[in-house]
Amino acid sequence: MKPSRTSLLTALGILALLLFSPPLLLLYDREGPWGFSALSLVIYPLWGLVIVLAALVLEGRDEK
């Protein structure tokens, strides 16, 4: 039995909330050895991953 799109999108939304929660993001808001914060290097790939996963769920095969 396959999970429905609604349940997959709900799970993806919860995952996005956890990934972008301030306690996790503050781990990367420190100056690295290269002289700037790694926060932007973490946020944008995660954001892209959430968008790709949402596209895969929404553009997947139709349920019948």
PDB file of N, CA and C in Angstrom:
ATOM      1  N   MET A   1       0.839  -1.176   0.000  1.00  0.00           N
ATOM      2  CA  MET A   1       0.000   0.000   0.000  1.00  0.00           C
ATOM      3  C   MET A   1       0.888   1.245   0.000  1.00  0.00           C
ATOM      4  N   LYS A   2       0.710   2.086  -1.009  1.00  0.00           N
ATOM      5  CA  LYS A   2       1.521   3.293  -1.120  1.00  0.00           C
ATOM      6  C   LYS A   2       0.907   4.419  -0.296  1.00  0.00           C
ATOM      7  N   PRO A   3       1.771   5.241   0.318  1.00  0.00           N
ATOM      8  CA  PRO A   3       1.233   6.408   1.037  1.00  0.00           C
ATOM      9  C   PRO A   3       0.685   7.431   0.045  1.00  0.00           C
ATOM     10  N   SER A   4      -0.330   8.165   0.471  1.00  0.00           N
ATOM     11  CA  SER A   4      -0.950   9.157  -0.413  1.00  0.00           C
ATOM     12  C   SER A   4      -0.061  10.396  -0.541  1.00  0.00           C
ATOM     13  N   ARG A   5      -0.365  11.191  -1.547  1.00  0.00           N
ATOM     14  CA  ARG A   5       0.403  12.424  -1.749  1.00  0.00           C
ATOM     15  C   ARG A   5       0.256  13.366  -0.565  1.00  0.00           C
ATOM     16  N   THR A   6      -0.934  13.382   0.009  1.00  0.00           N
ATOM     17  CA  THR A   6      -1.171  14.274   1.145  1.00  0.00           C
ATOM     18  C   THR A   6      -0.283  13.906   2.318  1.00  0.00           C
ATOM     19  N   SER A   7      -0.163  12.615   2.593  1.00  0.00           N
ATOM     20  CA  SER A   7       0.680  12.201   3.719  1.00  0.00           C
ATOM     21  C   SER A   7       2.162  12.436   3.422  1.00  0.00           C
ATOM     22  N   LEU A   8       2.563  12.255   2.167  1.00  0.00           N
ATOM     23  CA  LEU A   8       3.960  12.520   1.805  1.00  0.00           C
ATOM     24  C   LEU A   8       4.289  14.013   1.914  1.00  0.00           C
ATOM     25  N   LEU A   9       3.366  14.864   1.465  1.00  0.00           N
ATOM     26  CA  LEU A   9       3.604  16.305   1.559  1.00  0.00           C
ATOM     27  C   LEU A   9       3.574  16.778   3.002  1.00  0.00           C
ATOM     28  N   THR A  10       2.738  16.158   3.829  1.00  0.00           N
ATOM     29  CA  THR A  10       2.721  16.497   5.255  1.00  0.00           C
ATOM     30  C   THR A  10       4.051  16.120   5.901  1.00  0.00           C
ATOM     31  N   ALA A  11       4.538  14.934   5.592  1.00  0.00           N
ATOM     32  CA  ALA A  11       5.836  14.503   6.125  1.00  0.00           C
ATOM     33  C   ALA A  11       6.963  15.405   5.628  1.00  0.00           C
ATOM     34  N   LEU A  12       6.899  15.828   4.375  1.00  0.00           N
ATOM     35  CA  LEU A  12       7.910  16.730   3.828  1.00  0.00           C
ATOM     36  C   LEU A  12       7.857  18.092   4.509  1.00  0.00           C
ATOM     37  N   GLY A  13       6.656  18.578   4.804  1.00  0.00           N
ATOM     38  CA  GLY A  13       6.518  19.843   5.518  1.00  0.00           C
ATOM     39  C   GLY A  13       7.098  19.769   6.924  1.00  0.00           C
ATOM     40  N   ILE A  14       6.851  18.661   7.602  1.00  0.00           N
ATOM     41  CA  ILE A  14       7.415  18.480   8.950  1.00  0.00           C
ATOM     42  C   ILE A  14       8.934  18.390   8.875  1.00  0.00           C
ATOM     43  N   LEU A  15       9.454  17.673   7.875  1.00  0.00           N
ATOM     44  CA  LEU A  15      10.904  17.589   7.702  1.00  0.00           C
ATOM     45  C   LEU A  15      11.505  18.968   7.443  1.00  0.00           C
ATOM     46  N   ALA A  16      10.842  19.775   6.611  1.00  0.00           N
ATOM     47  CA  ALA A  16      11.338  21.127   6.324  1.00  0.00           C
ATOM     48  C   ALA A  16      11.329  21.985   7.583  1.00  0.00           C
ATOM     49  N   LEU A  17      10.271  21.870   8.390  1.00  0.00           N
ATOM     50  CA  LEU A  17      10.232  22.623   9.653  1.00  0.00           C
ATOM     51  C   LEU A  17      11.383  22.236  10.568  1.00  0.00           C
ATOM     52  N   LEU A  18      11.690  20.959  10.615  1.00  0.00           N
ATOM     53  CA  LEU A  18      12.805  20.515  11.460  1.00  0.00           C
ATOM     54  C   LEU A  18      14.153  20.974  10.904  1.00  0.00           C
ATOM     55  N   LEU A  19      14.325  20.882   9.591  1.00  0.00           N
ATOM     56  CA  LEU A  19      15.600  21.278   8.981  1.00  0.00           C
ATOM     57  C   LEU A  19      15.875  22.768   9.131  1.00  0.00           C
ATOM     58  N   PHE A  20      14.819  23.585   9.093  1.00  0.00           N
ATOM     59  CA  PHE A  20      14.994  25.024   9.161  1.00  0.00           C
ATOM     60  C   PHE A  20      14.676  25.595  10.534  1.00  0.00           C
ATOM     61  N   SER A  21      14.698  24.755  11.549  1.00  0.00           N
ATOM     62  CA  SER A  21      14.465  25.246  12.906  1.00  0.00           C
ATOM     63  C   SER A  21      15.714  25.983  13.403  1.00  0.00           C
ATOM     64  N   PRO A  22      15.523  27.039  14.173  1.00  0.00           N
ATOM     65  CA  PRO A  22      16.663  27.838  14.629  1.00  0.00           C
ATOM     66  C   PRO A  22      17.745  27.056  15.391  1.00  0.00           C
ATOM     67  N   PRO A  23      17.408  26.095  16.255  1.00  0.00           N
ATOM     68  CA  PRO A  23      18.502  25.389  16.936  1.00  0.00           C
ATOM     69  C   PRO A  23      19.447  24.659  15.981  1.00  0.00           C
ATOM     70  N   LEU A  24      18.909  24.075  14.918  1.00  0.00           N
ATOM     71  CA  LEU A  24      19.777  23.399  13.956  1.00  0.00           C
ATOM     72  C   LEU A  24      20.566  24.391  13.116  1.00  0.00           C
ATOM     73  N   LEU A  25      19.927  25.468  12.693  1.00  0.00           N
ATOM     74  CA  LEU A  25      20.613  26.440  11.849  1.00  0.00           C
ATOM     75  C   LEU A  25      21.687  27.206  12.615  1.00  0.00           C
ATOM     76  N   LEU A  26      21.489  27.404  13.909  1.00  0.00           N
ATOM     77  CA  LEU A  26      22.489  28.127  14.697  1.00  0.00           C
ATOM     78  C   LEU A  26      23.789  27.336  14.855  1.00  0.00           C
ATOM     79  N   LEU A  27      23.741  26.036  14.608  1.00  0.00           N
ATOM     80  CA  LEU A  27      24.972  25.241  14.629  1.00  0.00           C
ATOM     81  C   LEU A  27      25.938  25.693  13.537  1.00  0.00           C
ATOM     82  N   TYR A  28      25.401  26.195  12.439  1.00  0.00           N
ATOM     83  CA  TYR A  28      26.224  26.604  11.300  1.00  0.00           C
ATOM     84  C   TYR A  28      26.446  28.109  11.240  1.00  0.00           C
ATOM     85  N   ASP A  29      25.933  28.853  12.201  1.00  0.00           N
ATOM     86  CA  ASP A  29      26.066  30.305  12.186  1.00  0.00           C
ATOM     87  C   ASP A  29      27.316  30.751  12.948  1.00  0.00           C
ATOM     88  N   ARG A  30      28.402  30.106  12.657  1.00  0.00           N
ATOM     89  CA  ARG A  30      29.689  30.462  13.259  1.00  0.00           C
ATOM     90  C   ARG A  30      30.684  30.716  12.138  1.00  0.00           C
ATOM     91  N   GLU A  31      31.631  31.555  12.426  1.00  0.00           N
ATOM     92  CA  GLU A  31      32.648  31.848  11.419  1.00  0.00           C
ATOM     93  C   GLU A  31      33.552  30.643  11.240  1.00  0.00           C
ATOM     94  N   GLY A  32      33.679  30.232   9.999  1.00  0.00           N
ATOM     95  CA  GLY A  32      34.517  29.084   9.684  1.00  0.00           C
ATOM     96  C   GLY A  32      35.951  29.500   9.420  1.00  0.00           C
ATOM     97  N   PRO A  33      36.788  28.545   9.077  1.00  0.00           N
ATOM     98  CA  PRO A  33      38.198  28.858   8.809  1.00  0.00           C
ATOM     99  C   PRO A  33      38.390  29.725   7.566  1.00  0.00           C
ATOM    100  N   TRP A  34      37.380  29.802   6.707  1.00  0.00           N
ATOM    101  CA  TRP A  34      37.478  30.599   5.491  1.00  0.00           C
ATOM    102  C   TRP A  34      37.059  32.046   5.704  1.00  0.00           C
ATOM    103  N   GLY A  35      36.581  32.387   6.911  1.00  0.00           N
ATOM    104  CA  GLY A  35      36.303  33.775   7.245  1.00  0.00           C
ATOM    105  C   GLY A  35      34.855  34.207   7.173  1.00  0.00           C
ATOM    106  N   PHE A  36      33.939  33.326   6.809  1.00  0.00           N
ATOM    107  CA  PHE A  36      32.516  33.692   6.796  1.00  0.00           C
ATOM    108  C   PHE A  36      31.692  32.519   7.313  1.00  0.00           C
ATOM    109  N   SER A  37      30.437  32.813   7.601  1.00  0.00           N
ATOM    110  CA  SER A  37      29.538  31.819   8.174  1.00  0.00           C
ATOM    111  C   SER A  37      29.156  30.763   7.132  1.00  0.00           C
ATOM    112  N   ALA A  38      29.026  29.539   7.583  1.00  0.00           N
ATOM    113  CA  ALA A  38      28.633  28.449   6.697  1.00  0.00           C
ATOM    114  C   ALA A  38      27.116  28.336   6.576  1.00  0.00           C
ATOM    115  N   LEU A  39      26.396  29.257   7.189  1.00  0.00           N
ATOM    116  CA  LEU A  39      24.937  29.182   7.195  1.00  0.00           C
ATOM    117  C   LEU A  39      24.355  29.204   5.784  1.00  0.00           C
ATOM    118  N   SER A  40      24.837  30.086   4.936  1.00  0.00           N
ATOM    119  CA  SER A  40      24.302  30.144   3.571  1.00  0.00           C
ATOM    120  C   SER A  40      24.686  28.911   2.755  1.00  0.00           C
ATOM    121  N   LEU A  41      25.803  28.298   3.083  1.00  0.00           N
ATOM    122  CA  LEU A  41      26.199  27.076   2.394  1.00  0.00           C
ATOM    123  C   LEU A  41      25.347  25.882   2.805  1.00  0.00           C
ATOM    124  N   VAL A  42      24.621  26.013   3.912  1.00  0.00           N
ATOM    125  CA  VAL A  42      23.749  24.949   4.396  1.00  0.00           C
ATOM    126  C   VAL A  42      22.302  25.210   3.987  1.00  0.00           C
ATOM    127  N   ILE A  43      21.858  26.453   4.100  1.00  0.00           N
ATOM    128  CA  ILE A  43      20.446  26.766   3.842  1.00  0.00           C
ATOM    129  C   ILE A  43      20.057  26.502   2.391  1.00  0.00           C
ATOM    130  N   TYR A  44      20.829  26.972   1.435  1.00  0.00           N
ATOM    131  CA  TYR A  44      20.413  26.876   0.041  1.00  0.00           C
ATOM    132  C   TYR A  44      20.373  25.440  -0.485  1.00  0.00           C
ATOM    133  N   PRO A  45      21.337  24.583  -0.200  1.00  0.00           N
ATOM    134  CA  PRO A  45      21.182  23.178  -0.636  1.00  0.00           C
ATOM    135  C   PRO A  45      20.009  22.466   0.040  1.00  0.00           C
ATOM    136  N   LEU A  46      19.754  22.762   1.313  1.00  0.00           N
ATOM    137  CA  LEU A  46      18.601  22.156   1.976  1.00  0.00           C
ATOM    138  C   LEU A  46      17.302  22.643   1.356  1.00  0.00           C
ATOM    139  N   TRP A  47      17.235  23.914   1.057  1.00  0.00           N
ATOM    140  CA  TRP A  47      16.060  24.493   0.423  1.00  0.00           C
ATOM    141  C   TRP A  47      15.832  23.833  -0.946  1.00  0.00           C
ATOM    142  N   GLY A  48      16.893  23.674  -1.700  1.00  0.00           N
ATOM    143  CA  GLY A  48      16.794  23.003  -2.992  1.00  0.00           C
ATOM    144  C   GLY A  48      16.340  21.563  -2.861  1.00  0.00           C
ATOM    145  N   LEU A  49      16.826  20.869  -1.840  1.00  0.00           N
ATOM    146  CA  LEU A  49      16.436  19.483  -1.602  1.00  0.00           C
ATOM    147  C   LEU A  49      14.947  19.379  -1.301  1.00  0.00           C
ATOM    148  N   VAL A  50      14.429  20.286  -0.486  1.00  0.00           N
ATOM    149  CA  VAL A  50      13.000  20.273  -0.160  1.00  0.00           C
ATOM    150  C   VAL A  50      12.181  20.537  -1.424  1.00  0.00           C
ATOM    151  N   ILE A  51      12.620  21.449  -2.275  1.00  0.00           N
ATOM    152  CA  ILE A  51      11.905  21.742  -3.515  1.00  0.00           C
ATOM    153  C   ILE A  51      11.918  20.543  -4.448  1.00  0.00           C
ATOM    154  N   VAL A  52      13.060  19.883  -4.579  1.00  0.00           N
ATOM    155  CA  VAL A  52      13.159  18.703  -5.442  1.00  0.00           C
ATOM    156  C   VAL A  52      12.268  17.575  -4.918  1.00  0.00           C
ATOM    157  N   LEU A  53      12.267  17.356  -3.617  1.00  0.00           N
ATOM    158  CA  LEU A  53      11.421  16.308  -3.050  1.00  0.00           C
ATOM    159  C   LEU A  53       9.940  16.619  -3.252  1.00  0.00           C
ATOM    160  N   ALA A  54       9.563  17.879  -3.094  1.00  0.00           N
ATOM    161  CA  ALA A  54       8.171  18.261  -3.337  1.00  0.00           C
ATOM    162  C   ALA A  54       7.801  18.052  -4.806  1.00  0.00           C
ATOM    163  N   ALA A  55       8.704  18.380  -5.711  1.00  0.00           N
ATOM    164  CA  ALA A  55       8.436  18.174  -7.137  1.00  0.00           C
ATOM    165  C   ALA A  55       8.290  16.690  -7.449  1.00  0.00           C
ATOM    166  N   LEU A  56       9.118  15.858  -6.845  1.00  0.00           N
ATOM    167  CA  LEU A  56       9.010  14.413  -7.073  1.00  0.00           C
ATOM    168  C   LEU A  56       7.680  13.872  -6.568  1.00  0.00           C
ATOM    169  N   VAL A  57       7.234  14.359  -5.432  1.00  0.00           N
ATOM    170  CA  VAL A  57       5.953  13.899  -4.885  1.00  0.00           C
ATOM    171  C   VAL A  57       4.808  14.378  -5.765  1.00  0.00           C
ATOM    172  N   LEU A  58       4.844  15.646  -6.171  1.00  0.00           N
ATOM    173  CA  LEU A  58       3.726  16.208  -6.929  1.00  0.00           C
ATOM    174  C   LEU A  58       3.694  15.755  -8.382  1.00  0.00           C
ATOM    175  N   GLU A  59       4.821  15.482  -8.972  1.00  0.00           N
ATOM    176  CA  GLU A  59       4.875  15.078 -10.369  1.00  0.00           C
ATOM    177  C   GLU A  59       4.947  13.562 -10.539  1.00  0.00           C
ATOM    178  N   GLY A  60       4.812  12.843  -9.454  1.00  0.00           N
ATOM    179  CA  GLY A  60       4.861  11.386  -9.517  1.00  0.00           C
ATOM    180  C   GLY A  60       3.668  10.821 -10.276  1.00  0.00           C
ATOM    181  N   ARG A  61       3.631   9.521 -10.364  1.00  0.00           N
ATOM    182  CA  ARG A  61       2.526   8.869 -11.070  1.00  0.00           C
ATOM    183  C   ARG A  61       1.197   9.122 -10.376  1.00  0.00           C
ATOM    184  N   ASP A  62       0.150   9.184 -11.173  1.00  0.00           N
ATOM    185  CA  ASP A  62      -1.181   9.383 -10.613  1.00  0.00           C
ATOM    186  C   ASP A  62      -1.629   8.142  -9.873  1.00  0.00           C
ATOM    187  N   GLU A  63      -2.318   8.380  -8.758  1.00  0.00           N
ATOM    188  CA  GLU A  63      -2.830   7.278  -7.979  1.00  0.00           C
ATOM    189  C   GLU A  63      -4.140   6.804  -8.585  1.00  0.00           C
ATOM    190  N   LYS A  64      -4.289   5.498  -8.704  1.00  0.00           N
ATOM    191  CA  LYS A  64      -5.546   4.948  -9.236  1.00  0.00           C
ATOM    192  C   LYS A  64      -5.983   3.776  -8.424  1.00  0.00           C
TER     193      LYS A  64
END
